[in-house]
PDB file of N, CA and C in Angstrom:
ATOM      1  N   MET A   1      -5.881 -10.082 -22.465  1.00  0.00           N
ATOM      2  CA  MET A   1      -5.816 -11.473 -22.090  1.00  0.00           C
ATOM      3  C   MET A   1      -6.909 -12.271 -22.790  1.00  0.00           C
ATOM      4  N   ASN A   2      -8.050 -11.631 -23.007  1.00  0.00           N
ATOM      5  CA  ASN A   2      -9.118 -12.326 -23.734  1.00  0.00           C
ATOM      6  C   ASN A   2      -8.668 -12.720 -25.128  1.00  0.00           C
ATOM      7  N   ASP A   3      -7.915 -11.834 -25.791  1.00  0.00           N
ATOM      8  CA  ASP A   3      -7.399 -12.152 -27.122  1.00  0.00           C
ATOM      9  C   ASP A   3      -6.487 -13.373 -27.076  1.00  0.00           C
ATOM     10  N   TYR A   4      -5.701 -13.500 -26.022  1.00  0.00           N
ATOM     11  CA  TYR A   4      -4.800 -14.645 -25.914  1.00  0.00           C
ATOM     12  C   TYR A   4      -5.596 -15.948 -25.863  1.00  0.00           C
ATOM     13  N   TYR A   5      -6.675 -15.959 -25.097  1.00  0.00           N
ATOM     14  CA  TYR A   5      -7.472 -17.182 -24.990  1.00  0.00           C
ATOM     15  C   TYR A   5      -8.052 -17.593 -26.343  1.00  0.00           C
ATOM     16  N   ARG A   6      -8.361 -16.599 -27.171  1.00  0.00           N
ATOM     17  CA  ARG A   6      -8.903 -16.916 -28.502  1.00  0.00           C
ATOM     18  C   ARG A   6      -7.811 -17.303 -29.484  1.00  0.00           C
ATOM     19  N   THR A   7      -6.686 -16.579 -29.471  1.00  0.00           N
ATOM     20  CA  THR A   7      -5.676 -16.738 -30.519  1.00  0.00           C
ATOM     21  C   THR A   7      -4.445 -17.535 -30.105  1.00  0.00           C
ATOM     22  N   LYS A   8      -4.144 -17.543 -28.809  1.00  0.00           N
ATOM     23  CA  LYS A   8      -2.933 -18.172 -28.255  1.00  0.00           C
ATOM     24  C   LYS A   8      -1.652 -17.525 -28.785  1.00  0.00           C
ATOM     25  N   LEU A   9      -1.759 -16.256 -29.217  1.00  0.00           N
ATOM     26  CA  LEU A   9      -0.590 -15.539 -29.720  1.00  0.00           C
ATOM     27  C   LEU A   9       0.152 -14.857 -28.569  1.00  0.00           C
ATOM     28  N   PRO A  10       1.448 -15.094 -28.453  1.00  0.00           N
ATOM     29  CA  PRO A  10       2.223 -14.455 -27.394  1.00  0.00           C
ATOM     30  C   PRO A  10       2.169 -12.928 -27.447  1.00  0.00           C
ATOM     31  N   ALA A  11       1.949 -12.360 -28.617  1.00  0.00           N
ATOM     32  CA  ALA A  11       1.886 -10.903 -28.749  1.00  0.00           C
ATOM     33  C   ALA A  11       0.774 -10.304 -27.888  1.00  0.00           C
ATOM     34  N   CYS A  12      -0.275 -11.060 -27.640  1.00  0.00           N
ATOM     35  CA  CYS A  12      -1.366 -10.572 -26.790  1.00  0.00           C
ATOM     36  C   CYS A  12      -0.874 -10.344 -25.367  1.00  0.00           C
ATOM     37  N   ILE A  13      -0.116 -11.286 -24.847  1.00  0.00           N
ATOM     38  CA  ILE A  13       0.445 -11.158 -23.497  1.00  0.00           C
ATOM     39  C   ILE A  13       1.466 -10.029 -23.474  1.00  0.00           C
ATOM     40  N   ASP A  14       2.282  -9.979 -24.487  1.00  0.00           N
ATOM     41  CA  ASP A  14       3.308  -8.935 -24.566  1.00  0.00           C
ATOM     42  C   ASP A  14       2.688  -7.544 -24.527  1.00  0.00           C
ATOM     43  N   ALA A  15       1.555  -7.371 -25.196  1.00  0.00           N
ATOM     44  CA  ALA A  15       0.885  -6.063 -25.230  1.00  0.00           C
ATOM     45  C   ALA A  15       0.391  -5.665 -23.845  1.00  0.00           C
ATOM     46  N   VAL A  16      -0.185  -6.605 -23.113  1.00  0.00           N
ATOM     47  CA  VAL A  16      -0.680  -6.296 -21.764  1.00  0.00           C
ATOM     48  C   VAL A  16       0.498  -6.003 -20.831  1.00  0.00           C
ATOM     49  N   LEU A  17       1.555  -6.807 -20.916  1.00  0.00           N
ATOM     50  CA  LEU A  17       2.719  -6.557 -20.060  1.00  0.00           C
ATOM     51  C   LEU A  17       3.357  -5.212 -20.382  1.00  0.00           C
ATOM     52  N   SER A  18       3.326  -4.824 -21.630  1.00  0.00           N
ATOM     53  CA  SER A  18       3.850  -3.516 -22.022  1.00  0.00           C
ATOM     54  C   SER A  18       3.069  -2.405 -21.334  1.00  0.00           C
ATOM     55  N   GLN A  19       1.763  -2.568 -21.230  1.00  0.00           N
ATOM     56  CA  GLN A  19       0.947  -1.574 -20.538  1.00  0.00           C
ATOM     57  C   GLN A  19       1.306  -1.511 -19.053  1.00  0.00           C
ATOM     58  N   PHE A  20       1.567  -2.667 -18.458  1.00  0.00           N
ATOM     59  CA  PHE A  20       1.995  -2.672 -17.058  1.00  0.00           C
ATOM     60  C   PHE A  20       3.357  -1.991 -16.910  1.00  0.00           C
ATOM     61  N   ARG A  21       4.261  -2.249 -17.856  1.00  0.00           N
ATOM     62  CA  ARG A  21       5.587  -1.618 -17.805  1.00  0.00           C
ATOM     63  C   ARG A  21       5.476  -0.100 -17.850  1.00  0.00           C
ATOM     64  N   GLN A  22       4.608   0.375 -18.690  1.00  0.00           N
ATOM     65  CA  GLN A  22       4.464   1.815 -18.895  1.00  0.00           C
ATOM     66  C   GLN A  22       3.452   2.435 -17.936  1.00  0.00           C
ATOM     67  N   ARG A  23       2.813   1.584 -17.148  1.00  0.00           N
ATOM     68  CA  ARG A  23       1.789   2.033 -16.202  1.00  0.00           C
ATOM     69  C   ARG A  23       0.698   2.825 -16.916  1.00  0.00           C
ATOM     70  N   THR A  24       0.305   2.347 -18.115  1.00  0.00           N
ATOM     71  CA  THR A  24      -0.728   3.035 -18.891  1.00  0.00           C
ATOM     72  C   THR A  24      -2.119   2.469 -18.619  1.00  0.00           C
ATOM     73  N   LEU A  25      -2.213   1.560 -17.679  1.00  0.00           N
ATOM     74  CA  LEU A  25      -3.525   1.060 -17.289  1.00  0.00           C
ATOM     75  C   LEU A  25      -4.158   2.079 -16.345  1.00  0.00           C
ATOM     76  N   ALA A  26      -5.362   1.842 -15.940  1.00  0.00           N
ATOM     77  CA  ALA A  26      -6.024   2.743 -14.996  1.00  0.00           C
ATOM     78  C   ALA A  26      -5.113   2.962 -13.789  1.00  0.00           C
ATOM     79  N   PRO A  27      -5.079   4.183 -13.254  1.00  0.00           N
ATOM     80  CA  PRO A  27      -4.136   4.520 -12.185  1.00  0.00           C
ATOM     81  C   PRO A  27      -4.152   3.583 -10.985  1.00  0.00           C
ATOM     82  N   ASN A  28      -5.299   3.084 -10.622  1.00  0.00           N
ATOM     83  CA  ASN A  28      -5.378   2.214  -9.447  1.00  0.00           C
ATOM     84  C   ASN A  28      -5.543   0.748  -9.823  1.00  0.00           C
ATOM     85  N   SER A  29      -5.108   0.365 -11.009  1.00  0.00           N
ATOM     86  CA  SER A  29      -5.250  -1.018 -11.456  1.00  0.00           C
ATOM     87  C   SER A  29      -4.473  -1.957 -10.548  1.00  0.00           C
ATOM     88  N   GLU A  30      -5.131  -3.000 -10.163  1.00  0.00           N
ATOM     89  CA  GLU A  30      -4.493  -4.041  -9.373  1.00  0.00           C
ATOM     90  C   GLU A  30      -3.997  -5.116 -10.342  1.00  0.00           C
ATOM     91  N   PRO A  31      -2.797  -5.592 -10.131  1.00  0.00           N
ATOM     92  CA  PRO A  31      -2.252  -6.600 -11.041  1.00  0.00           C
ATOM     93  C   PRO A  31      -2.723  -8.022 -10.745  1.00  0.00           C
ATOM     94  N   ALA A  32      -3.645  -8.194  -9.809  1.00  0.00           N
ATOM     95  CA  ALA A  32      -4.039  -9.539  -9.382  1.00  0.00           C
ATOM     96  C   ALA A  32      -4.522 -10.412 -10.527  1.00  0.00           C
ATOM     97  N   THR A  33      -5.296  -9.849 -11.435  1.00  0.00           N
ATOM     98  CA  THR A  33      -5.798 -10.643 -12.560  1.00  0.00           C
ATOM     99  C   THR A  33      -4.641 -11.116 -13.430  1.00  0.00           C
ATOM    100  N   MET A  34      -3.703 -10.215 -13.693  1.00  0.00           N
ATOM    101  CA  MET A  34      -2.552 -10.580 -14.520  1.00  0.00           C
ATOM    102  C   MET A  34      -1.687 -11.614 -13.816  1.00  0.00           C
ATOM    103  N   ILE A  35      -1.512 -11.481 -12.510  1.00  0.00           N
ATOM    104  CA  ILE A  35      -0.715 -12.451 -11.747  1.00  0.00           C
ATOM    105  C   ILE A  35      -1.360 -13.826 -11.835  1.00  0.00           C
ATOM    106  N   GLY A  36      -2.670 -13.890 -11.669  1.00  0.00           N
ATOM    107  CA  GLY A  36      -3.370 -15.173 -11.782  1.00  0.00           C
ATOM    108  C   GLY A  36      -3.265 -15.764 -13.179  1.00  0.00           C
ATOM    109  N   PHE A  37      -3.396 -14.899 -14.185  1.00  0.00           N
ATOM    110  CA  PHE A  37      -3.260 -15.345 -15.571  1.00  0.00           C
ATOM    111  C   PHE A  37      -1.863 -15.912 -15.806  1.00  0.00           C
ATOM    112  N   LEU A  38      -0.839 -15.181 -15.359  1.00  0.00           N
ATOM    113  CA  LEU A  38       0.542 -15.643 -15.540  1.00  0.00           C
ATOM    114  C   LEU A  38       0.792 -16.939 -14.782  1.00  0.00           C
ATOM    115  N   ALA A  39       0.235 -17.067 -13.595  1.00  0.00           N
ATOM    116  CA  ALA A  39       0.413 -18.297 -12.815  1.00  0.00           C
ATOM    117  C   ALA A  39      -0.123 -19.496 -13.587  1.00  0.00           C
ATOM    118  N   GLN A  40      -1.291 -19.338 -14.161  1.00  0.00           N
ATOM    119  CA  GLN A  40      -1.870 -20.430 -14.953  1.00  0.00           C
ATOM    120  C   GLN A  40      -1.002 -20.719 -16.175  1.00  0.00           C
ATOM    121  N   LEU A  41      -0.547 -19.670 -16.823  1.00  0.00           N
ATOM    122  CA  LEU A  41       0.289 -19.828 -18.010  1.00  0.00           C
ATOM    123  C   LEU A  41       1.612 -20.498 -17.659  1.00  0.00           C
ATOM    124  N   PHE A  42       2.240 -20.068 -16.557  1.00  0.00           N
ATOM    125  CA  PHE A  42       3.515 -20.647 -16.140  1.00  0.00           C
ATOM    126  C   PHE A  42       3.360 -22.127 -15.803  1.00  0.00           C
ATOM    127  N   SER A  43       2.228 -22.493 -15.216  1.00  0.00           N
ATOM    128  CA  SER A  43       1.970 -23.903 -14.898  1.00  0.00           C
ATOM    129  C   SER A  43       1.805 -24.739 -16.158  1.00  0.00           C
ATOM    130  N   ALA A  44       1.194 -24.144 -17.160  1.00  0.00           N
ATOM    131  CA  ALA A  44       0.880 -24.880 -18.385  1.00  0.00           C
ATOM    132  C   ALA A  44       2.013 -24.907 -19.394  1.00  0.00           C
ATOM    133  N   SER A  45       2.879 -23.896 -19.378  1.00  0.00           N
ATOM    134  CA  SER A  45       3.887 -23.791 -20.430  1.00  0.00           C
ATOM    135  C   SER A  45       5.220 -23.288 -19.886  1.00  0.00           C
ATOM    136  N   SER A  46       6.149 -24.192 -19.735  1.00  0.00           N
ATOM    137  CA  SER A  46       7.479 -23.779 -19.270  1.00  0.00           C
ATOM    138  C   SER A  46       8.181 -22.919 -20.324  1.00  0.00           C
ATOM    139  N   GLU A  47       7.839 -23.118 -21.590  1.00  0.00           N
ATOM    140  CA  GLU A  47       8.428 -22.304 -22.660  1.00  0.00           C
ATOM    141  C   GLU A  47       7.984 -20.843 -22.537  1.00  0.00           C
ATOM    142  N   GLU A  48       6.688 -20.625 -22.324  1.00  0.00           N
ATOM    143  CA  GLU A  48       6.185 -19.255 -22.150  1.00  0.00           C
ATOM    144  C   GLU A  48       6.729 -18.652 -20.860  1.00  0.00           C
ATOM    145  N   LYS A  49       6.836 -19.465 -19.828  1.00  0.00           N
ATOM    146  CA  LYS A  49       7.400 -18.983 -18.565  1.00  0.00           C
ATOM    147  C   LYS A  49       8.807 -18.449 -18.803  1.00  0.00           C
ATOM    148  N   ARG A  50       9.628 -19.229 -19.467  1.00  0.00           N
ATOM    149  CA  ARG A  50      11.009 -18.787 -19.758  1.00  0.00           C
ATOM    150  C   ARG A  50      11.006 -17.533 -20.625  1.00  0.00           C
ATOM    151  N   ARG A  51      10.177 -17.517 -21.644  1.00  0.00           N
ATOM    152  CA  ARG A  51      10.143 -16.381 -22.562  1.00  0.00           C
ATOM    153  C   ARG A  51       9.743 -15.094 -21.846  1.00  0.00           C
ATOM    154  N   LEU A  52       8.731 -15.183 -21.011  1.00  0.00           N
ATOM    155  CA  LEU A  52       8.221 -13.982 -20.361  1.00  0.00           C
ATOM    156  C   LEU A  52       9.115 -13.480 -19.229  1.00  0.00           C
ATOM    157  N   LEU A  53       9.807 -14.385 -18.572  1.00  0.00           N
ATOM    158  CA  LEU A  53      10.635 -13.965 -17.439  1.00  0.00           C
ATOM    159  C   LEU A  53      12.055 -13.579 -17.839  1.00  0.00           C
ATOM    160  N   ALA A  54      12.512 -14.066 -18.973  1.00  0.00           N
ATOM    161  CA  ALA A  54      13.891 -13.800 -19.401  1.00  0.00           C
ATOM    162  C   ALA A  54      14.063 -12.325 -19.752  1.00  0.00           C
ATOM    163  N   ASN A  55      15.030 -11.713 -19.128  1.00  0.00           N
ATOM    164  CA  ASN A  55      15.418 -10.334 -19.459  1.00  0.00           C
ATOM    165  C   ASN A  55      14.296  -9.317 -19.348  1.00  0.00           C
ATOM    166  N   GLU A  56      13.386  -9.512 -18.430  1.00  0.00           N
ATOM    167  CA  GLU A  56      12.306  -8.536 -18.228  1.00  0.00           C
ATOM    168  C   GLU A  56      12.911  -7.246 -17.676  1.00  0.00           C
ATOM    169  N   PRO A  57      12.711  -6.112 -18.365  1.00  0.00           N
ATOM    170  CA  PRO A  57      13.348  -4.866 -17.943  1.00  0.00           C
ATOM    171  C   PRO A  57      12.662  -4.153 -16.777  1.00  0.00           C
ATOM    172  N   SER A  58      11.411  -4.462 -16.518  1.00  0.00           N
ATOM    173  CA  SER A  58      10.638  -3.723 -15.525  1.00  0.00           C
ATOM    174  C   SER A  58      10.638  -4.425 -14.166  1.00  0.00           C
ATOM    175  N   ASP A  59      11.030  -3.684 -13.135  1.00  0.00           N
ATOM    176  CA  ASP A  59      10.971  -4.229 -11.776  1.00  0.00           C
ATOM    177  C   ASP A  59       9.537  -4.600 -11.411  1.00  0.00           C
ATOM    178  N   TYR A  60       8.608  -3.763 -11.831  1.00  0.00           N
ATOM    179  CA  TYR A  60       7.201  -3.991 -11.516  1.00  0.00           C
ATOM    180  C   TYR A  60       6.706  -5.304 -12.130  1.00  0.00           C
ATOM    181  N   VAL A  61       7.020  -5.523 -13.397  1.00  0.00           N
ATOM    182  CA  VAL A  61       6.577  -6.750 -14.073  1.00  0.00           C
ATOM    183  C   VAL A  61       7.328  -7.958 -13.517  1.00  0.00           C
ATOM    184  N   ARG A  62       8.612  -7.790 -13.181  1.00  0.00           N
ATOM    185  CA  ARG A  62       9.353  -8.900 -12.560  1.00  0.00           C
ATOM    186  C   ARG A  62       8.719  -9.289 -11.227  1.00  0.00           C
ATOM    187  N   SER A  63       8.284  -8.301 -10.450  1.00  0.00           N
ATOM    188  CA  SER A  63       7.651  -8.632  -9.166  1.00  0.00           C
ATOM    189  C   SER A  63       6.325  -9.365  -9.388  1.00  0.00           C
ATOM    190  N   MET A  64       5.577  -8.987 -10.440  1.00  0.00           N
ATOM    191  CA  MET A  64       4.352  -9.723 -10.771  1.00  0.00           C
ATOM    192  C   MET A  64       4.695 -11.152 -11.200  1.00  0.00           C
ATOM    193  N   GLY A  65       5.771 -11.301 -11.975  1.00  0.00           N
ATOM    194  CA  GLY A  65       6.204 -12.632 -12.392  1.00  0.00           C
ATOM    195  C   GLY A  65       6.561 -13.498 -11.196  1.00  0.00           C
ATOM    196  N   LEU A  66       7.244 -12.898 -10.223  1.00  0.00           N
ATOM    197  CA  LEU A  66       7.614 -13.644  -9.018  1.00  0.00           C
ATOM    198  C   LEU A  66       6.367 -14.099  -8.263  1.00  0.00           C
ATOM    199  N   MET A  67       5.417 -13.205  -8.087  1.00  0.00           N
ATOM    200  CA  MET A  67       4.176 -13.584  -7.391  1.00  0.00           C
ATOM    201  C   MET A  67       3.420 -14.663  -8.172  1.00  0.00           C
ATOM    202  N   ALA A  68       3.471 -14.580  -9.502  1.00  0.00           N
ATOM    203  CA  ALA A  68       2.812 -15.601 -10.327  1.00  0.00           C
ATOM    204  C   ALA A  68       3.483 -16.958 -10.163  1.00  0.00           C
ATOM    205  N   LEU A  69       4.798 -16.966 -10.063  1.00  0.00           N
ATOM    206  CA  LEU A  69       5.511 -18.232  -9.838  1.00  0.00           C
ATOM    207  C   LEU A  69       5.082 -18.866  -8.518  1.00  0.00           C
ATOM    208  N   TYR A  70       4.996 -18.059  -7.471  1.00  0.00           N
ATOM    209  CA  TYR A  70       4.526 -18.585  -6.184  1.00  0.00           C
ATOM    210  C   TYR A  70       3.090 -19.073  -6.285  1.00  0.00           C
ATOM    211  N   ARG A  71       2.241 -18.292  -6.936  1.00  0.00           N
ATOM    212  CA  ARG A  71       0.837 -18.689  -7.047  1.00  0.00           C
ATOM    213  C   ARG A  71       0.704 -19.990  -7.829  1.00  0.00           C
ATOM    214  N   ALA A  72       1.608 -20.216  -8.793  1.00  0.00           N
ATOM    215  CA  ALA A  72       1.600 -21.452  -9.578  1.00  0.00           C
ATOM    216  C   ALA A  72       2.254 -22.603  -8.808  1.00  0.00           C
ATOM    217  N   ASN A  73       2.697 -22.311  -7.594  1.00  0.00           N
ATOM    218  CA  ASN A  73       3.369 -23.297  -6.746  1.00  0.00           C
ATOM    219  C   ASN A  73       4.683 -23.783  -7.350  1.00  0.00           C
ATOM    220  N   LEU A  74       5.365 -22.884  -8.051  1.00  0.00           N
ATOM    221  CA  LEU A  74       6.673 -23.169  -8.636  1.00  0.00           C
ATOM    222  C   LEU A  74       7.731 -22.532  -7.728  1.00  0.00           C
ATOM    223  N   ILE A  75       7.808 -23.064  -6.520  1.00  0.00           N
ATOM    224  CA  ILE A  75       8.601 -22.456  -5.451  1.00  0.00           C
ATOM    225  C   ILE A  75      10.083 -22.373  -5.802  1.00  0.00           C
ATOM    226  N   ASP A  76      10.649 -23.452  -6.309  1.00  0.00           N
ATOM    227  CA  ASP A  76      12.075 -23.427  -6.671  1.00  0.00           C
ATOM    228  C   ASP A  76      12.339 -22.408  -7.763  1.00  0.00           C
ATOM    229  N   ASP A  77      11.464 -22.362  -8.759  1.00  0.00           N
ATOM    230  CA  ASP A  77      11.607 -21.365  -9.832  1.00  0.00           C
ATOM    231  C   ASP A  77      11.500 -19.951  -9.271  1.00  0.00           C
ATOM    232  N   ALA A  78      10.580 -19.756  -8.339  1.00  0.00           N
ATOM    233  CA  ALA A  78      10.382 -18.430  -7.742  1.00  0.00           C
ATOM    234  C   ALA A  78      11.632 -17.992  -6.989  1.00  0.00           C
ATOM    235  N   ARG A  79      12.195 -18.867  -6.194  1.00  0.00           N
ATOM    236  CA  ARG A  79      13.391 -18.507  -5.426  1.00  0.00           C
ATOM    237  C   ARG A  79      14.572 -18.212  -6.338  1.00  0.00           C
ATOM    238  N   LYS A  80      14.728 -19.022  -7.371  1.00  0.00           N
ATOM    239  CA  LYS A  80      15.811 -18.795  -8.327  1.00  0.00           C
ATOM    240  C   LYS A  80      15.618 -17.465  -9.049  1.00  0.00           C
ATOM    241  N   PHE A  81      14.384 -17.204  -9.496  1.00  0.00           N
ATOM    242  CA  PHE A  81      14.081 -15.954 -10.185  1.00  0.00           C
ATOM    243  C   PHE A  81      14.330 -14.755  -9.267  1.00  0.00           C
ATOM    244  N   ALA A  82      13.928 -14.875  -8.010  1.00  0.00           N
ATOM    245  CA  ALA A  82      14.136 -13.788  -7.044  1.00  0.00           C
ATOM    246  C   ALA A  82      15.622 -13.515  -6.859  1.00  0.00           C
ATOM    247  N   ASP A  83      16.403 -14.563  -6.716  1.00  0.00           N
ATOM    248  CA  ASP A  83      17.860 -14.395  -6.547  1.00  0.00           C
ATOM    249  C   ASP A  83      18.493 -13.765  -7.776  1.00  0.00           C
ATOM    250  N   GLU A  84      18.118 -14.234  -8.941  1.00  0.00           N
ATOM    251  CA  GLU A  84      18.700 -13.727 -10.189  1.00  0.00           C
ATOM    252  C   GLU A  84      18.325 -12.275 -10.471  1.00  0.00           C
ATOM    253  N   ASN A  85      17.202 -11.833  -9.932  1.00  0.00           N
ATOM    254  CA  ASN A  85      16.701 -10.499 -10.236  1.00  0.00           C
ATOM    255  C   ASN A  85      16.694  -9.557  -9.035  1.00  0.00           C
ATOM    256  N   ARG A  86      17.449  -9.929  -8.042  1.00  0.00           N
ATOM    257  CA  ARG A  86      17.568  -9.109  -6.829  1.00  0.00           C
ATOM    258  C   ARG A  86      16.207  -8.803  -6.215  1.00  0.00           C
ATOM    259  N   LEU A  87      15.373  -9.798  -6.197  1.00  0.00           N
ATOM    260  CA  LEU A  87      14.053  -9.669  -5.584  1.00  0.00           C
ATOM    261  C   LEU A  87      13.983 -10.530  -4.327  1.00  0.00           C
ATOM    262  N   SER A  88      15.131 -10.782  -3.730  1.00  0.00           N
ATOM    263  CA  SER A  88      15.170 -11.717  -2.613  1.00  0.00           C
ATOM    264  C   SER A  88      14.357 -11.248  -1.419  1.00  0.00           C
ATOM    265  N   ALA A  89      14.098  -9.948  -1.299  1.00  0.00           N
ATOM    266  CA  ALA A  89      13.242  -9.474  -0.216  1.00  0.00           C
ATOM    267  C   ALA A  89      11.828 -10.027  -0.369  1.00  0.00           C
ATOM    268  N   MET A  90      11.471 -10.382  -1.594  1.00  0.00           N
ATOM    269  CA  MET A  90      10.145 -10.949  -1.850  1.00  0.00           C
ATOM    270  C   MET A  90      10.196 -12.468  -1.965  1.00  0.00           C
ATOM    271  N   SER A  91      11.338 -13.062  -1.690  1.00  0.00           N
ATOM    272  CA  SER A  91      11.510 -14.480  -1.995  1.00  0.00           C
ATOM    273  C   SER A  91      10.810 -15.409  -1.011  1.00  0.00           C
ATOM    274  N   SER A  92      10.274 -14.886   0.069  1.00  0.00           N
ATOM    275  CA  SER A  92       9.438 -15.758   0.895  1.00  0.00           C
ATOM    276  C   SER A  92       8.081 -15.809   0.213  1.00  0.00           C
ATOM    277  N   ASN A  93       7.407 -16.891   0.376  1.00  0.00           N
ATOM    278  CA  ASN A  93       6.161 -17.116  -0.336  1.00  0.00           C
ATOM    279  C   ASN A  93       5.099 -16.099   0.069  1.00  0.00           C
ATOM    280  N   PRO A  94       4.746 -15.147  -0.833  1.00  0.00           N
ATOM    281  CA  PRO A  94       3.743 -14.142  -0.489  1.00  0.00           C
ATOM    282  C   PRO A  94       2.341 -14.726  -0.411  1.00  0.00           C
ATOM    283  N   ALA A  95       2.154 -15.936  -0.880  1.00  0.00           N
ATOM    284  CA  ALA A  95       0.825 -16.542  -0.864  1.00  0.00           C
ATOM    285  C   ALA A  95       0.525 -17.192   0.485  1.00  0.00           C
ATOM    286  N   SER A  96       1.556 -17.415   1.302  1.00  0.00           N
ATOM    287  CA  SER A  96       1.276 -18.046   2.585  1.00  0.00           C
ATOM    288  C   SER A  96       0.888 -17.008   3.617  1.00  0.00           C
ATOM    289  N   PRO A  97       0.035 -17.409   4.542  1.00  0.00           N
ATOM    290  CA  PRO A  97      -0.426 -16.454   5.563  1.00  0.00           C
ATOM    291  C   PRO A  97       0.670 -16.079   6.529  1.00  0.00           C
TER     292      PRO A  97
END
């Protein structure tokens, strides 16, 4: 993610998401940092949001994307994404108490 801030190249994000897909990060890695990063990115760039969420093959990464949408306060997008990806069990806002 640090490389992305310097270069703004989408390949930097793709590389980190690939690690999450393959679970090659530390065994107990929490995705919270990535979720926060994606939330900020989704708020700033609808193009990147579409690119990253379209056809995501990993259930794990899709669930992180859904949480990022909620964290970015993109509630309608989150509900639509949850419905389209059979994540409706998570479609209530996980950020609310």
